[in-house]
N, C-alpha and C. Protein backbone atom coordinates (compact mmCIF):
# COMPACT_ATOMS: atom_id res chain seq x y z
N MET A 1 -85.41 -50.98 -8.92
CA MET A 1 -86.05 -51.11 -7.61
C MET A 1 -85.17 -51.96 -6.71
N GLY A 2 -84.73 -51.38 -5.61
CA GLY A 2 -83.88 -52.10 -4.69
C GLY A 2 -84.64 -53.08 -3.82
N ARG A 3 -83.92 -54.10 -3.38
CA ARG A 3 -84.50 -55.11 -2.48
C ARG A 3 -83.55 -55.36 -1.32
N ILE A 4 -84.13 -55.89 -0.26
CA ILE A 4 -83.35 -56.30 0.91
C ILE A 4 -83.40 -57.82 0.97
N PHE A 5 -82.26 -58.46 0.75
CA PHE A 5 -82.14 -59.91 0.87
C PHE A 5 -81.82 -60.20 2.33
N TYR A 6 -82.74 -60.90 2.99
CA TYR A 6 -82.76 -60.97 4.44
C TYR A 6 -82.38 -62.37 4.93
N ILE A 7 -81.14 -62.51 5.42
CA ILE A 7 -80.66 -63.79 5.95
C ILE A 7 -81.18 -63.97 7.37
N MET A 8 -81.76 -65.14 7.61
CA MET A 8 -82.24 -65.44 8.96
C MET A 8 -82.09 -66.94 9.21
N GLY A 9 -82.18 -67.31 10.46
CA GLY A 9 -82.10 -68.71 10.84
C GLY A 9 -81.80 -68.81 12.32
N LYS A 10 -81.93 -70.00 12.83
CA LYS A 10 -81.63 -70.25 14.23
C LYS A 10 -80.15 -69.94 14.50
N SER A 11 -79.80 -69.75 15.76
CA SER A 11 -78.41 -69.45 16.09
C SER A 11 -77.50 -70.61 15.70
N SER A 12 -76.30 -70.26 15.29
CA SER A 12 -75.24 -71.22 14.91
C SER A 12 -75.56 -72.03 13.67
N THR A 13 -76.34 -71.47 12.76
CA THR A 13 -76.57 -72.14 11.47
C THR A 13 -75.57 -71.68 10.41
N GLY A 14 -74.69 -70.74 10.79
CA GLY A 14 -73.69 -70.25 9.84
C GLY A 14 -74.09 -68.98 9.13
N LYS A 15 -75.05 -68.25 9.67
CA LYS A 15 -75.54 -67.03 9.01
C LYS A 15 -74.42 -66.02 8.76
N ASP A 16 -73.58 -65.79 9.79
CA ASP A 16 -72.50 -64.80 9.63
C ASP A 16 -71.52 -65.22 8.54
N THR A 17 -71.18 -66.49 8.50
CA THR A 17 -70.26 -66.98 7.48
C THR A 17 -70.87 -66.84 6.10
N VAL A 18 -72.12 -67.24 5.95
CA VAL A 18 -72.81 -67.13 4.66
C VAL A 18 -72.86 -65.65 4.24
N TYR A 19 -73.21 -64.79 5.17
CA TYR A 19 -73.30 -63.35 4.91
C TYR A 19 -71.97 -62.81 4.39
N LYS A 20 -70.88 -63.10 5.10
CA LYS A 20 -69.57 -62.60 4.70
C LYS A 20 -69.15 -63.15 3.34
N ARG A 21 -69.40 -64.41 3.11
CA ARG A 21 -69.01 -65.01 1.83
C ARG A 21 -69.83 -64.44 0.68
N LEU A 22 -71.11 -64.19 0.89
CA LEU A 22 -71.93 -63.60 -0.16
C LEU A 22 -71.45 -62.20 -0.49
N LEU A 23 -71.08 -61.44 0.51
CA LEU A 23 -70.59 -60.09 0.26
C LEU A 23 -69.26 -60.12 -0.50
N GLU A 24 -68.40 -61.09 -0.18
CA GLU A 24 -67.11 -61.21 -0.86
C GLU A 24 -67.29 -61.59 -2.33
N SER A 25 -68.28 -62.42 -2.62
CA SER A 25 -68.39 -63.00 -3.95
C SER A 25 -69.44 -62.35 -4.83
N GLU A 26 -70.25 -61.49 -4.27
CA GLU A 26 -71.36 -60.95 -5.04
C GLU A 26 -70.88 -59.91 -6.06
N GLU A 27 -71.01 -60.27 -7.35
CA GLU A 27 -70.55 -59.37 -8.41
C GLU A 27 -71.38 -58.10 -8.51
N GLY A 28 -72.67 -58.21 -8.16
CA GLY A 28 -73.59 -57.11 -8.36
C GLY A 28 -73.52 -56.01 -7.31
N GLY A 29 -72.69 -56.17 -6.31
CA GLY A 29 -72.51 -55.12 -5.33
C GLY A 29 -73.66 -54.94 -4.35
N LEU A 30 -73.99 -55.98 -3.64
CA LEU A 30 -74.98 -55.83 -2.57
C LEU A 30 -74.39 -54.96 -1.47
N ARG A 31 -75.18 -54.06 -0.97
CA ARG A 31 -74.75 -53.22 0.14
C ARG A 31 -75.14 -53.87 1.46
N THR A 32 -74.51 -53.44 2.52
CA THR A 32 -74.84 -53.97 3.84
C THR A 32 -75.77 -53.00 4.56
N LEU A 33 -76.57 -53.56 5.42
CA LEU A 33 -77.43 -52.78 6.29
C LEU A 33 -77.15 -53.31 7.69
N VAL A 34 -76.41 -52.55 8.46
CA VAL A 34 -75.95 -53.00 9.76
C VAL A 34 -76.98 -52.63 10.81
N MET A 35 -77.47 -53.63 11.53
CA MET A 35 -78.44 -53.43 12.60
C MET A 35 -77.74 -52.83 13.83
N TYR A 36 -78.55 -52.41 14.78
CA TYR A 36 -78.06 -51.82 16.03
C TYR A 36 -78.38 -52.77 17.19
N THR A 37 -77.56 -52.71 18.24
CA THR A 37 -77.84 -53.48 19.45
C THR A 37 -77.27 -52.79 20.67
N THR A 38 -77.91 -53.07 21.82
CA THR A 38 -77.38 -52.57 23.09
C THR A 38 -76.56 -53.64 23.79
N ARG A 39 -76.48 -54.84 23.23
CA ARG A 39 -75.67 -55.88 23.89
C ARG A 39 -74.20 -55.59 23.67
N PRO A 40 -73.34 -56.06 24.57
CA PRO A 40 -71.90 -55.85 24.37
C PRO A 40 -71.38 -56.69 23.20
N ALA A 41 -70.35 -56.20 22.58
CA ALA A 41 -69.73 -56.93 21.46
C ALA A 41 -69.11 -58.22 21.97
N ARG A 42 -69.24 -59.27 21.16
CA ARG A 42 -68.55 -60.53 21.47
C ARG A 42 -67.10 -60.41 21.02
N GLU A 43 -66.31 -61.34 21.49
CA GLU A 43 -64.90 -61.41 21.09
C GLU A 43 -64.81 -61.42 19.56
N GLY A 44 -64.06 -60.49 18.99
CA GLY A 44 -63.84 -60.44 17.55
C GLY A 44 -64.85 -59.60 16.77
N GLU A 45 -65.95 -59.19 17.39
CA GLU A 45 -66.93 -58.35 16.70
C GLU A 45 -66.43 -56.91 16.67
N ARG A 46 -66.79 -56.21 15.58
CA ARG A 46 -66.36 -54.83 15.41
C ARG A 46 -67.57 -53.91 15.24
N ASP A 47 -67.51 -52.77 15.88
CA ASP A 47 -68.59 -51.79 15.78
C ASP A 47 -68.74 -51.35 14.33
N GLY A 48 -69.98 -51.34 13.86
CA GLY A 48 -70.25 -50.92 12.50
C GLY A 48 -70.11 -52.04 11.48
N VAL A 49 -69.68 -53.21 11.91
CA VAL A 49 -69.53 -54.34 10.99
C VAL A 49 -70.60 -55.39 11.30
N GLU A 50 -70.46 -56.06 12.42
CA GLU A 50 -71.48 -57.04 12.80
C GLU A 50 -72.76 -56.33 13.26
N TYR A 51 -72.58 -55.31 14.07
CA TYR A 51 -73.66 -54.46 14.58
C TYR A 51 -73.11 -53.06 14.82
N ASN A 52 -74.02 -52.11 14.94
CA ASN A 52 -73.70 -50.81 15.52
C ASN A 52 -74.01 -50.96 17.00
N PHE A 53 -72.98 -50.94 17.83
CA PHE A 53 -73.15 -51.14 19.27
C PHE A 53 -73.41 -49.79 19.93
N VAL A 54 -74.58 -49.69 20.58
CA VAL A 54 -74.97 -48.44 21.24
C VAL A 54 -75.45 -48.76 22.66
N ASP A 55 -75.56 -47.71 23.48
CA ASP A 55 -76.11 -47.93 24.81
C ASP A 55 -77.60 -47.56 24.80
N GLU A 56 -78.26 -47.79 25.92
CA GLU A 56 -79.71 -47.54 25.99
C GLU A 56 -80.06 -46.06 25.81
N THR A 57 -79.19 -45.17 26.26
CA THR A 57 -79.44 -43.74 26.09
C THR A 57 -79.46 -43.38 24.61
N GLN A 58 -78.49 -43.89 23.85
CA GLN A 58 -78.46 -43.63 22.40
C GLN A 58 -79.71 -44.21 21.72
N MET A 59 -80.11 -45.42 22.14
CA MET A 59 -81.29 -46.05 21.56
C MET A 59 -82.53 -45.19 21.83
N LYS A 60 -82.66 -44.68 23.04
CA LYS A 60 -83.83 -43.87 23.40
C LYS A 60 -83.86 -42.56 22.60
N ARG A 61 -82.70 -42.00 22.32
CA ARG A 61 -82.64 -40.79 21.48
C ARG A 61 -83.13 -41.08 20.06
N LEU A 62 -82.68 -42.21 19.51
CA LEU A 62 -83.12 -42.60 18.16
C LEU A 62 -84.62 -42.85 18.14
N GLU A 63 -85.13 -43.48 19.19
CA GLU A 63 -86.56 -43.77 19.28
C GLU A 63 -87.37 -42.48 19.39
N ALA A 64 -86.91 -41.54 20.21
CA ALA A 64 -87.61 -40.26 20.38
C ALA A 64 -87.63 -39.46 19.07
N ALA A 65 -86.60 -39.64 18.25
CA ALA A 65 -86.53 -38.95 16.96
C ALA A 65 -87.34 -39.67 15.88
N GLY A 66 -87.97 -40.80 16.23
CA GLY A 66 -88.79 -41.55 15.26
C GLY A 66 -87.97 -42.28 14.21
N ARG A 67 -86.73 -42.63 14.55
CA ARG A 67 -85.84 -43.23 13.56
C ARG A 67 -85.74 -44.75 13.66
N ILE A 68 -86.37 -45.37 14.65
CA ILE A 68 -86.30 -46.82 14.77
C ILE A 68 -87.43 -47.45 13.96
N ILE A 69 -87.06 -48.29 13.00
CA ILE A 69 -88.01 -48.97 12.12
C ILE A 69 -88.65 -50.15 12.85
N GLU A 70 -87.82 -50.93 13.52
CA GLU A 70 -88.29 -52.08 14.27
C GLU A 70 -87.32 -52.34 15.40
N ARG A 71 -87.86 -52.92 16.49
CA ARG A 71 -87.01 -53.21 17.66
C ARG A 71 -87.51 -54.48 18.33
N ARG A 72 -86.54 -55.26 18.78
CA ARG A 72 -86.83 -56.47 19.55
C ARG A 72 -86.05 -56.41 20.83
N SER A 73 -86.64 -56.88 21.93
CA SER A 73 -85.99 -56.88 23.23
C SER A 73 -85.97 -58.29 23.77
N TYR A 74 -84.83 -58.72 24.28
CA TYR A 74 -84.67 -60.07 24.78
C TYR A 74 -84.21 -60.04 26.23
N HIS A 75 -84.90 -60.80 27.06
CA HIS A 75 -84.51 -60.95 28.46
C HIS A 75 -83.45 -62.04 28.52
N THR A 76 -82.20 -61.64 28.67
CA THR A 76 -81.09 -62.59 28.69
C THR A 76 -80.63 -62.78 30.13
N VAL A 77 -79.71 -63.69 30.31
CA VAL A 77 -79.16 -63.89 31.65
C VAL A 77 -78.33 -62.68 32.10
N HIS A 78 -78.01 -61.78 31.17
CA HIS A 78 -77.25 -60.56 31.48
C HIS A 78 -78.13 -59.33 31.61
N GLY A 79 -79.43 -59.51 31.46
CA GLY A 79 -80.35 -58.38 31.47
C GLY A 79 -81.03 -58.26 30.12
N ILE A 80 -81.68 -57.12 29.88
CA ILE A 80 -82.41 -56.91 28.62
C ILE A 80 -81.46 -56.36 27.56
N TRP A 81 -81.44 -57.03 26.42
CA TRP A 81 -80.67 -56.57 25.26
C TRP A 81 -81.66 -56.21 24.16
N HIS A 82 -81.41 -55.10 23.49
CA HIS A 82 -82.28 -54.63 22.41
C HIS A 82 -81.52 -54.76 21.08
N TYR A 83 -82.25 -55.16 20.07
CA TYR A 83 -81.75 -55.22 18.70
C TYR A 83 -82.73 -54.43 17.85
N PHE A 84 -82.22 -53.58 16.95
CA PHE A 84 -83.15 -52.75 16.18
C PHE A 84 -82.54 -52.26 14.87
N THR A 85 -83.44 -51.82 14.00
CA THR A 85 -83.07 -51.28 12.70
C THR A 85 -83.40 -49.79 12.72
N VAL A 86 -82.47 -48.99 12.23
CA VAL A 86 -82.62 -47.54 12.26
C VAL A 86 -82.75 -47.01 10.84
N LYS A 87 -83.66 -46.06 10.70
CA LYS A 87 -83.81 -45.34 9.44
C LYS A 87 -82.67 -44.33 9.40
N ASP A 88 -81.61 -44.70 8.69
CA ASP A 88 -80.43 -43.83 8.64
C ASP A 88 -79.90 -43.76 7.21
N GLU A 89 -78.74 -43.16 7.05
CA GLU A 89 -78.16 -42.95 5.71
C GLU A 89 -77.75 -44.23 5.00
N GLN A 90 -77.82 -45.38 5.69
CA GLN A 90 -77.47 -46.65 5.06
C GLN A 90 -78.46 -47.06 3.97
N ILE A 91 -79.72 -46.67 4.10
CA ILE A 91 -80.80 -47.23 3.28
C ILE A 91 -81.22 -46.29 2.16
N ASP A 92 -81.07 -46.76 0.90
CA ASP A 92 -81.58 -46.05 -0.28
C ASP A 92 -82.05 -47.11 -1.28
N LEU A 93 -83.29 -47.56 -1.11
CA LEU A 93 -83.83 -48.63 -1.95
C LEU A 93 -84.14 -48.17 -3.37
N ASP A 94 -84.07 -46.88 -3.63
CA ASP A 94 -84.24 -46.41 -5.01
C ASP A 94 -83.01 -46.74 -5.86
N LYS A 95 -81.87 -46.93 -5.19
CA LYS A 95 -80.62 -47.14 -5.92
C LYS A 95 -79.96 -48.50 -5.69
N TYR A 96 -80.15 -49.11 -4.50
CA TYR A 96 -79.31 -50.24 -4.13
C TYR A 96 -80.11 -51.45 -3.63
N ASP A 97 -79.48 -52.62 -3.74
CA ASP A 97 -79.93 -53.84 -3.09
C ASP A 97 -79.06 -54.05 -1.86
N TYR A 98 -79.63 -54.69 -0.84
CA TYR A 98 -78.94 -54.88 0.44
C TYR A 98 -78.95 -56.34 0.87
N LEU A 99 -77.95 -56.68 1.67
CA LEU A 99 -77.88 -57.98 2.32
C LEU A 99 -77.88 -57.73 3.82
N VAL A 100 -78.79 -58.40 4.54
CA VAL A 100 -79.00 -58.15 5.97
C VAL A 100 -79.09 -59.48 6.70
N ILE A 101 -78.67 -59.49 7.95
CA ILE A 101 -78.89 -60.64 8.83
C ILE A 101 -79.85 -60.19 9.93
N GLY A 102 -80.84 -61.01 10.22
CA GLY A 102 -81.77 -60.68 11.29
C GLY A 102 -82.58 -61.89 11.72
N THR A 103 -83.66 -61.61 12.42
CA THR A 103 -84.54 -62.66 12.92
C THR A 103 -85.81 -62.70 12.10
N LEU A 104 -86.58 -63.74 12.28
CA LEU A 104 -87.87 -63.84 11.60
C LEU A 104 -88.78 -62.69 12.04
N GLU A 105 -88.75 -62.37 13.31
CA GLU A 105 -89.56 -61.27 13.83
C GLU A 105 -89.17 -59.94 13.17
N SER A 106 -87.88 -59.66 13.09
CA SER A 106 -87.45 -58.40 12.48
C SER A 106 -87.75 -58.38 10.98
N TYR A 107 -87.62 -59.54 10.34
CA TYR A 107 -87.97 -59.65 8.92
C TYR A 107 -89.43 -59.22 8.71
N GLY A 108 -90.33 -59.74 9.55
CA GLY A 108 -91.75 -59.40 9.42
C GLY A 108 -92.01 -57.92 9.59
N ARG A 109 -91.36 -57.31 10.55
CA ARG A 109 -91.56 -55.88 10.79
C ARG A 109 -90.95 -55.04 9.67
N MET A 110 -89.80 -55.46 9.17
CA MET A 110 -89.17 -54.75 8.04
C MET A 110 -90.05 -54.88 6.79
N ARG A 111 -90.62 -56.05 6.59
CA ARG A 111 -91.50 -56.26 5.44
C ARG A 111 -92.73 -55.37 5.52
N THR A 112 -93.28 -55.22 6.74
CA THR A 112 -94.41 -54.31 6.93
C THR A 112 -94.01 -52.87 6.63
N TYR A 113 -92.82 -52.47 7.07
CA TYR A 113 -92.36 -51.10 6.88
C TYR A 113 -92.04 -50.79 5.41
N PHE A 114 -91.25 -51.66 4.76
CA PHE A 114 -90.79 -51.39 3.40
C PHE A 114 -91.71 -51.95 2.32
N GLY A 115 -92.50 -52.97 2.65
CA GLY A 115 -93.38 -53.61 1.66
C GLY A 115 -92.89 -55.00 1.32
N ARG A 116 -93.84 -55.88 1.09
CA ARG A 116 -93.55 -57.30 0.82
C ARG A 116 -92.61 -57.49 -0.37
N ASP A 117 -92.76 -56.67 -1.40
CA ASP A 117 -91.95 -56.83 -2.61
C ASP A 117 -90.49 -56.42 -2.41
N LYS A 118 -90.19 -55.73 -1.32
CA LYS A 118 -88.82 -55.25 -1.07
C LYS A 118 -87.98 -56.23 -0.25
N LEU A 119 -88.62 -57.14 0.50
CA LEU A 119 -87.91 -58.05 1.40
C LEU A 119 -87.94 -59.47 0.84
N ILE A 120 -86.76 -60.03 0.62
CA ILE A 120 -86.62 -61.39 0.11
C ILE A 120 -85.97 -62.24 1.21
N PRO A 121 -86.72 -63.21 1.78
CA PRO A 121 -86.16 -64.01 2.88
C PRO A 121 -85.18 -65.07 2.39
N LEU A 122 -84.09 -65.23 3.15
CA LEU A 122 -83.09 -66.28 2.90
C LEU A 122 -82.93 -67.04 4.21
N LEU A 123 -83.70 -68.10 4.39
CA LEU A 123 -83.70 -68.88 5.62
C LEU A 123 -82.60 -69.94 5.56
N ILE A 124 -81.66 -69.88 6.51
CA ILE A 124 -80.57 -70.85 6.60
C ILE A 124 -80.95 -71.90 7.64
N GLU A 125 -80.83 -73.18 7.27
CA GLU A 125 -81.17 -74.27 8.19
C GLU A 125 -80.00 -75.22 8.34
N MET A 126 -80.00 -75.94 9.45
CA MET A 126 -78.93 -76.90 9.75
C MET A 126 -79.47 -77.89 10.77
N ASP A 127 -78.91 -79.09 10.77
CA ASP A 127 -79.27 -80.10 11.75
C ASP A 127 -79.10 -79.53 13.16
N ASP A 128 -80.10 -79.76 14.02
CA ASP A 128 -80.07 -79.18 15.38
C ASP A 128 -78.88 -79.66 16.21
N GLY A 129 -78.49 -80.92 16.07
CA GLY A 129 -77.35 -81.42 16.82
C GLY A 129 -76.05 -80.74 16.42
N VAL A 130 -75.85 -80.57 15.13
CA VAL A 130 -74.66 -79.88 14.62
C VAL A 130 -74.68 -78.43 15.09
N ARG A 131 -75.83 -77.83 15.01
CA ARG A 131 -76.00 -76.44 15.42
C ARG A 131 -75.67 -76.25 16.90
N LEU A 132 -76.15 -77.14 17.75
CA LEU A 132 -75.88 -77.04 19.18
C LEU A 132 -74.39 -77.21 19.47
N GLN A 133 -73.73 -78.13 18.78
CA GLN A 133 -72.29 -78.33 18.98
C GLN A 133 -71.51 -77.09 18.54
N ARG A 134 -71.90 -76.50 17.43
CA ARG A 134 -71.25 -75.29 16.95
C ARG A 134 -71.41 -74.15 17.96
N ALA A 135 -72.62 -74.02 18.52
CA ALA A 135 -72.87 -72.97 19.51
C ALA A 135 -72.01 -73.20 20.75
N LEU A 136 -71.90 -74.44 21.17
CA LEU A 136 -71.09 -74.77 22.34
C LEU A 136 -69.62 -74.45 22.08
N ASP A 137 -69.12 -74.83 20.91
CA ASP A 137 -67.72 -74.55 20.55
C ASP A 137 -67.45 -73.05 20.52
N ARG A 138 -68.40 -72.27 19.98
CA ARG A 138 -68.22 -70.81 19.91
C ARG A 138 -68.25 -70.21 21.31
N GLU A 139 -69.16 -70.70 22.15
CA GLU A 139 -69.29 -70.14 23.50
C GLU A 139 -68.04 -70.40 24.33
N LYS A 140 -67.39 -71.53 24.12
CA LYS A 140 -66.16 -71.86 24.86
C LYS A 140 -65.07 -70.81 24.63
N LEU A 141 -65.13 -70.12 23.48
CA LEU A 141 -64.12 -69.13 23.13
C LEU A 141 -64.37 -67.76 23.78
N GLN A 142 -65.58 -67.56 24.33
CA GLN A 142 -65.92 -66.28 24.96
C GLN A 142 -65.25 -66.18 26.33
N THR A 143 -65.01 -64.94 26.76
CA THR A 143 -64.39 -64.72 28.05
C THR A 143 -65.32 -63.89 28.93
N PRO A 144 -65.97 -64.46 29.90
CA PRO A 144 -66.09 -65.89 30.19
C PRO A 144 -67.24 -66.49 29.39
N PRO A 145 -67.24 -67.80 29.20
CA PRO A 145 -68.38 -68.44 28.51
C PRO A 145 -69.65 -68.28 29.34
N CYS A 146 -70.78 -68.16 28.66
CA CYS A 146 -72.06 -68.02 29.37
C CYS A 146 -73.02 -69.09 28.83
N TYR A 147 -72.89 -70.28 29.38
CA TYR A 147 -73.69 -71.41 28.90
C TYR A 147 -75.19 -71.23 29.14
N PRO A 148 -75.63 -70.60 30.24
CA PRO A 148 -77.07 -70.39 30.39
C PRO A 148 -77.66 -69.56 29.24
N GLU A 149 -76.92 -68.54 28.78
CA GLU A 149 -77.41 -67.73 27.67
C GLU A 149 -77.45 -68.54 26.38
N LEU A 150 -76.47 -69.39 26.16
CA LEU A 150 -76.47 -70.28 25.00
C LEU A 150 -77.73 -71.15 25.01
N CYS A 151 -78.04 -71.71 26.15
CA CYS A 151 -79.24 -72.57 26.27
C CYS A 151 -80.51 -71.76 26.05
N ARG A 152 -80.57 -70.55 26.59
CA ARG A 152 -81.74 -69.70 26.40
C ARG A 152 -81.97 -69.42 24.92
N ARG A 153 -80.89 -69.05 24.21
CA ARG A 153 -81.00 -68.76 22.77
C ARG A 153 -81.46 -69.99 21.99
N TYR A 154 -80.88 -71.14 22.32
CA TYR A 154 -81.22 -72.38 21.62
C TYR A 154 -82.71 -72.70 21.77
N LEU A 155 -83.21 -72.62 22.98
CA LEU A 155 -84.62 -72.93 23.23
C LEU A 155 -85.54 -71.87 22.62
N ALA A 156 -85.14 -70.61 22.70
CA ALA A 156 -85.95 -69.54 22.11
C ALA A 156 -86.09 -69.72 20.61
N ASP A 157 -85.02 -70.19 19.95
CA ASP A 157 -85.06 -70.42 18.50
C ASP A 157 -86.14 -71.42 18.10
N GLU A 158 -86.36 -72.42 18.95
CA GLU A 158 -87.37 -73.43 18.64
C GLU A 158 -88.75 -72.79 18.50
N ALA A 159 -89.05 -71.85 19.38
CA ALA A 159 -90.33 -71.15 19.30
C ALA A 159 -90.32 -70.09 18.20
N ASP A 160 -89.21 -69.35 18.10
CA ASP A 160 -89.14 -68.24 17.15
C ASP A 160 -89.23 -68.69 15.69
N PHE A 161 -88.72 -69.89 15.39
CA PHE A 161 -88.71 -70.38 14.01
C PHE A 161 -89.65 -71.58 13.83
N ALA A 162 -90.74 -71.59 14.58
CA ALA A 162 -91.73 -72.65 14.44
C ALA A 162 -92.33 -72.60 13.03
N GLU A 163 -92.71 -73.76 12.52
CA GLU A 163 -93.23 -73.85 11.15
C GLU A 163 -94.39 -72.89 10.90
N GLU A 164 -95.29 -72.77 11.86
CA GLU A 164 -96.44 -71.88 11.66
C GLU A 164 -96.01 -70.41 11.56
N LYS A 165 -94.97 -70.03 12.28
CA LYS A 165 -94.47 -68.65 12.19
C LYS A 165 -93.80 -68.40 10.85
N LEU A 166 -93.06 -69.38 10.36
CA LEU A 166 -92.44 -69.25 9.03
C LEU A 166 -93.51 -69.11 7.96
N ALA A 167 -94.55 -69.94 8.04
CA ALA A 167 -95.65 -69.88 7.06
C ALA A 167 -96.37 -68.53 7.14
N GLU A 168 -96.62 -68.07 8.35
CA GLU A 168 -97.30 -66.78 8.54
C GLU A 168 -96.49 -65.63 7.95
N ALA A 169 -95.18 -65.73 8.03
CA ALA A 169 -94.30 -64.68 7.49
C ALA A 169 -94.08 -64.82 5.98
N GLY A 170 -94.59 -65.89 5.39
CA GLY A 170 -94.44 -66.09 3.95
C GLY A 170 -93.07 -66.62 3.55
N VAL A 171 -92.37 -67.25 4.49
CA VAL A 171 -91.06 -67.82 4.19
C VAL A 171 -91.29 -69.25 3.69
N GLU A 172 -91.09 -69.44 2.40
CA GLU A 172 -91.39 -70.73 1.78
C GLU A 172 -90.14 -71.51 1.38
N LYS A 173 -89.04 -70.80 1.15
CA LYS A 173 -87.81 -71.44 0.69
C LYS A 173 -86.75 -71.36 1.78
N SER A 174 -85.99 -72.44 1.91
CA SER A 174 -84.88 -72.43 2.85
C SER A 174 -83.65 -73.02 2.17
N PHE A 175 -82.50 -72.78 2.79
CA PHE A 175 -81.23 -73.25 2.27
C PHE A 175 -80.53 -74.04 3.36
N ARG A 176 -80.23 -75.32 3.09
CA ARG A 176 -79.56 -76.19 4.07
C ARG A 176 -78.07 -75.88 4.05
N ASN A 177 -77.51 -75.66 5.22
CA ASN A 177 -76.08 -75.38 5.32
C ASN A 177 -75.33 -76.63 5.80
N ASP A 178 -75.61 -77.76 5.17
CA ASP A 178 -74.86 -78.99 5.45
C ASP A 178 -73.53 -78.98 4.70
N ASP A 179 -73.50 -78.27 3.59
CA ASP A 179 -72.31 -78.10 2.77
C ASP A 179 -72.23 -76.61 2.44
N LEU A 180 -71.31 -75.91 3.07
CA LEU A 180 -71.24 -74.45 2.97
C LEU A 180 -71.13 -73.97 1.52
N GLU A 181 -70.25 -74.59 0.74
CA GLU A 181 -70.05 -74.13 -0.64
C GLU A 181 -71.32 -74.28 -1.47
N ARG A 182 -72.00 -75.41 -1.33
CA ARG A 182 -73.24 -75.64 -2.06
C ARG A 182 -74.31 -74.65 -1.62
N CYS A 183 -74.41 -74.42 -0.31
CA CYS A 183 -75.38 -73.49 0.24
C CYS A 183 -75.17 -72.09 -0.34
N ILE A 184 -73.94 -71.64 -0.37
CA ILE A 184 -73.63 -70.30 -0.89
C ILE A 184 -73.96 -70.21 -2.38
N LEU A 185 -73.61 -71.24 -3.13
CA LEU A 185 -73.93 -71.23 -4.57
C LEU A 185 -75.43 -71.15 -4.81
N GLU A 186 -76.20 -71.91 -4.03
CA GLU A 186 -77.66 -71.88 -4.19
C GLU A 186 -78.23 -70.51 -3.86
N ILE A 187 -77.72 -69.90 -2.80
CA ILE A 187 -78.22 -68.57 -2.43
C ILE A 187 -77.81 -67.53 -3.47
N ARG A 188 -76.58 -67.61 -3.95
CA ARG A 188 -76.13 -66.66 -4.98
C ARG A 188 -77.03 -66.74 -6.21
N GLN A 189 -77.37 -67.95 -6.63
CA GLN A 189 -78.24 -68.11 -7.80
C GLN A 189 -79.63 -67.56 -7.51
N TYR A 190 -80.12 -67.80 -6.32
CA TYR A 190 -81.45 -67.31 -5.94
C TYR A 190 -81.47 -65.78 -5.96
N ILE A 191 -80.43 -65.15 -5.46
CA ILE A 191 -80.34 -63.69 -5.48
C ILE A 191 -80.28 -63.19 -6.93
N LYS A 192 -79.49 -63.84 -7.76
CA LYS A 192 -79.40 -63.43 -9.18
C LYS A 192 -80.75 -63.54 -9.86
N ASP A 193 -81.49 -64.57 -9.54
CA ASP A 193 -82.83 -64.74 -10.15
C ASP A 193 -83.76 -63.60 -9.78
N TRP A 194 -83.62 -63.06 -8.58
CA TRP A 194 -84.45 -61.93 -8.15
C TRP A 194 -84.00 -60.62 -8.75
N ARG A 195 -82.71 -60.52 -9.04
CA ARG A 195 -82.18 -59.24 -9.53
C ARG A 195 -82.33 -59.18 -11.02
């Protein structure tokens, strides 16, 4: 029985780094499930790797075909960006386990769609001050930097990952990313225990 190990956390907690390192080191062959988005790719992001980058017309076609499992829309300083999961050839839970990055909201919708026993949450946490500095450092590298959007994401995370929402979603365990190597080892062991 396949499972989806679902990495989530506030922005700049190191989710992408943890995700990549788990995929590199995982002996059991976790597959990836790449989400879709209408937002433009950031510097260094590749289509089909971090996200499947599509436009709104493509998203509407997928929606009309009944292939969107869950979708979230965010009012950003650049307009509305959509993030969503598509029922496509990537997913075969009869054969494989998957590693995914997403939000608490998308985790809840995926859990409703696939079933509670199929979704295993991996909540990454980090000190808010360190997280904010990391976000600022990353944003400085963008061309051009968009500090209002950074602030919007930071504040939205406070509401999106409120304790009551985590409890409601059944997320009981978290992993502190104060020490990356230790965090990865703990998550690897947790995944092995489930498999």
